[in-house]
Amino acid sequence: MNGPKPLDEYRRNLLLSVDEFAAKLDVTIRTLYRIREGRDVHLPTMRKITEALGVPPGEIKEFAAQLTRMDTKSKEATGGE
């Protein structure tokens, strides 16, 4: 079983459902699932997410890299599915 994803951690800490979290981030639920599957995150989408979560500008690169690393590990664990 894979560890929690950063976005799932944020969602749980905010006590939001997936629907509520997607609305807060101004993205679709499908986009959230694509990110969890390890798909690339477009820059405008990453900007929306980091702004909605209040990620400080100096930490955006690290946040994005962590999201990518965790999702890449998830892909490797599932054979790229």
C-alpha atoms as a PDB file:
ATOM      1  CA  MET A   1       0.000   0.000   0.000  1.00  0.00           C
ATOM      2  CA  ASN A   2       1.298   3.450  -0.902  1.00  0.00           C
ATOM      3  CA  GLY A   3       1.794   6.232   1.618  1.00  0.00           C
ATOM      4  CA  PRO A   4      -0.491   9.254   1.688  1.00  0.00           C
ATOM      5  CA  LYS A   5      -0.145  11.848  -1.012  1.00  0.00           C
ATOM      6  CA  PRO A   6       0.532  15.474  -0.078  1.00  0.00           C
ATOM      7  CA  LEU A   7      -2.824  16.640  -1.435  1.00  0.00           C
ATOM      8  CA  ASP A   8      -4.657  13.948   0.522  1.00  0.00           C
ATOM      9  CA  GLU A   9      -2.870  15.093   3.665  1.00  0.00           C
ATOM     10  CA  TYR A  10      -3.931  18.698   3.074  1.00  0.00           C
ATOM     11  CA  ARG A  11      -7.510  17.574   2.405  1.00  0.00           C
ATOM     12  CA  ARG A  12      -7.685  15.502   5.560  1.00  0.00           C
ATOM     13  CA  ASN A  13      -6.140  18.274   7.661  1.00  0.00           C
ATOM     14  CA  LEU A  14      -8.812  20.636   6.353  1.00  0.00           C
ATOM     15  CA  LEU A  15     -11.526  18.029   7.067  1.00  0.00           C
ATOM     16  CA  LEU A  16     -12.874  18.316   3.527  1.00  0.00           C
ATOM     17  CA  SER A  17     -14.467  15.766   1.237  1.00  0.00           C
ATOM     18  CA  VAL A  18     -12.895  15.235  -2.181  1.00  0.00           C
ATOM     19  CA  ASP A  19     -15.712  17.323  -3.727  1.00  0.00           C
ATOM     20  CA  GLU A  20     -15.169  20.178  -1.269  1.00  0.00           C
ATOM     21  CA  PHE A  21     -11.412  20.037  -1.708  1.00  0.00           C
ATOM     22  CA  ALA A  22     -11.661  20.172  -5.511  1.00  0.00           C
ATOM     23  CA  ALA A  23     -13.970  23.189  -5.200  1.00  0.00           C
ATOM     24  CA  LYS A  24     -11.545  24.909  -2.805  1.00  0.00           C
ATOM     25  CA  LEU A  25      -8.668  24.326  -5.228  1.00  0.00           C
ATOM     26  CA  ASP A  26     -10.811  25.379  -8.217  1.00  0.00           C
ATOM     27  CA  VAL A  27     -10.003  22.147 -10.059  1.00  0.00           C
ATOM     28  CA  THR A  28     -12.095  19.177 -11.082  1.00  0.00           C
ATOM     29  CA  ILE A  29     -12.204  15.944  -9.118  1.00  0.00           C
ATOM     30  CA  ARG A  30     -10.807  14.285 -12.207  1.00  0.00           C
ATOM     31  CA  THR A  31      -7.760  16.571 -12.003  1.00  0.00           C
ATOM     32  CA  LEU A  32      -7.180  15.533  -8.382  1.00  0.00           C
ATOM     33  CA  TYR A  33      -7.282  11.869  -9.366  1.00  0.00           C
ATOM     34  CA  ARG A  34      -4.931  12.465 -12.283  1.00  0.00           C
ATOM     35  CA  ILE A  35      -2.434  14.074  -9.928  1.00  0.00           C
ATOM     36  CA  ARG A  36      -2.738  11.071  -7.590  1.00  0.00           C
ATOM     37  CA  GLU A  37      -2.061   8.787 -10.562  1.00  0.00           C
ATOM     38  CA  GLY A  38       1.209  10.608 -11.188  1.00  0.00           C
ATOM     39  CA  ARG A  39       0.234  12.542 -14.266  1.00  0.00           C
ATOM     40  CA  ASP A  40       1.915  15.850 -15.013  1.00  0.00           C
ATOM     41  CA  VAL A  41       0.471  18.935 -13.373  1.00  0.00           C
ATOM     42  CA  HIS A  42       0.100  21.918 -15.681  1.00  0.00           C
ATOM     43  CA  LEU A  43       1.594  25.151 -14.348  1.00  0.00           C
ATOM     44  CA  PRO A  44      -1.745  27.018 -14.137  1.00  0.00           C
ATOM     45  CA  THR A  45      -3.189  24.098 -12.152  1.00  0.00           C
ATOM     46  CA  MET A  46      -0.185  24.004  -9.835  1.00  0.00           C
ATOM     47  CA  ARG A  47      -0.554  27.757  -9.337  1.00  0.00           C
ATOM     48  CA  LYS A  48      -4.234  27.348  -8.364  1.00  0.00           C
ATOM     49  CA  ILE A  49      -3.392  24.567  -5.920  1.00  0.00           C
ATOM     50  CA  THR A  50      -0.497  26.352  -4.237  1.00  0.00           C
ATOM     51  CA  GLU A  51      -2.458  29.615  -3.950  1.00  0.00           C
ATOM     52  CA  ALA A  52      -5.521  27.874  -2.512  1.00  0.00           C
ATOM     53  CA  LEU A  53      -3.407  25.979   0.025  1.00  0.00           C
ATOM     54  CA  GLY A  54      -1.362  29.032   0.949  1.00  0.00           C
ATOM     55  CA  VAL A  55       1.974  27.490   0.001  1.00  0.00           C
ATOM     56  CA  PRO A  56       4.541  30.280   0.487  1.00  0.00           C
ATOM     57  CA  PRO A  57       6.279  31.368  -2.741  1.00  0.00           C
ATOM     58  CA  GLY A  58       9.637  30.160  -1.459  1.00  0.00           C
ATOM     59  CA  GLU A  59       8.238  26.646  -0.964  1.00  0.00           C
ATOM     60  CA  ILE A  60       6.345  26.155  -4.247  1.00  0.00           C
ATOM     61  CA  LYS A  61       9.239  24.413  -6.020  1.00  0.00           C
ATOM     62  CA  GLU A  62       9.708  22.039  -3.107  1.00  0.00           C
ATOM     63  CA  PHE A  63       5.947  21.368  -2.894  1.00  0.00           C
ATOM     64  CA  ALA A  64       5.760  20.610  -6.623  1.00  0.00           C
ATOM     65  CA  ALA A  65       8.845  18.379  -6.469  1.00  0.00           C
ATOM     66  CA  GLN A  66       7.447  16.464  -3.494  1.00  0.00           C
ATOM     67  CA  LEU A  67       4.153  15.941  -5.289  1.00  0.00           C
ATOM     68  CA  THR A  68       5.981  14.674  -8.379  1.00  0.00           C
ATOM     69  CA  ARG A  69       8.325  12.406  -6.393  1.00  0.00           C
ATOM     70  CA  MET A  70       5.529  10.799  -4.415  1.00  0.00           C
ATOM     71  CA  ASP A  71       3.418  10.259  -7.509  1.00  0.00           C
ATOM     72  CA  THR A  72       6.406   8.801  -9.380  1.00  0.00           C
ATOM     73  CA  LYS A  73       6.949   6.326  -6.541  1.00  0.00           C
ATOM     74  CA  SER A  74       3.268   5.436  -6.753  1.00  0.00           C
ATOM     75  CA  LYS A  75       3.601   4.767 -10.493  1.00  0.00           C
ATOM     76  CA  GLU A  76       6.669   2.567  -9.959  1.00  0.00           C
ATOM     77  CA  ALA A  77       4.906   0.593  -7.225  1.00  0.00           C
ATOM     78  CA  THR A  78       1.947  -0.112  -9.506  1.00  0.00           C
ATOM     79  CA  GLY A  79       4.004  -0.815 -12.613  1.00  0.00           C
ATOM     80  CA  GLY A  80       3.156   2.552 -14.209  1.00  0.00           C
ATOM     81  CA  GLU A  81      -0.598   2.038 -14.126  1.00  0.00           C
END
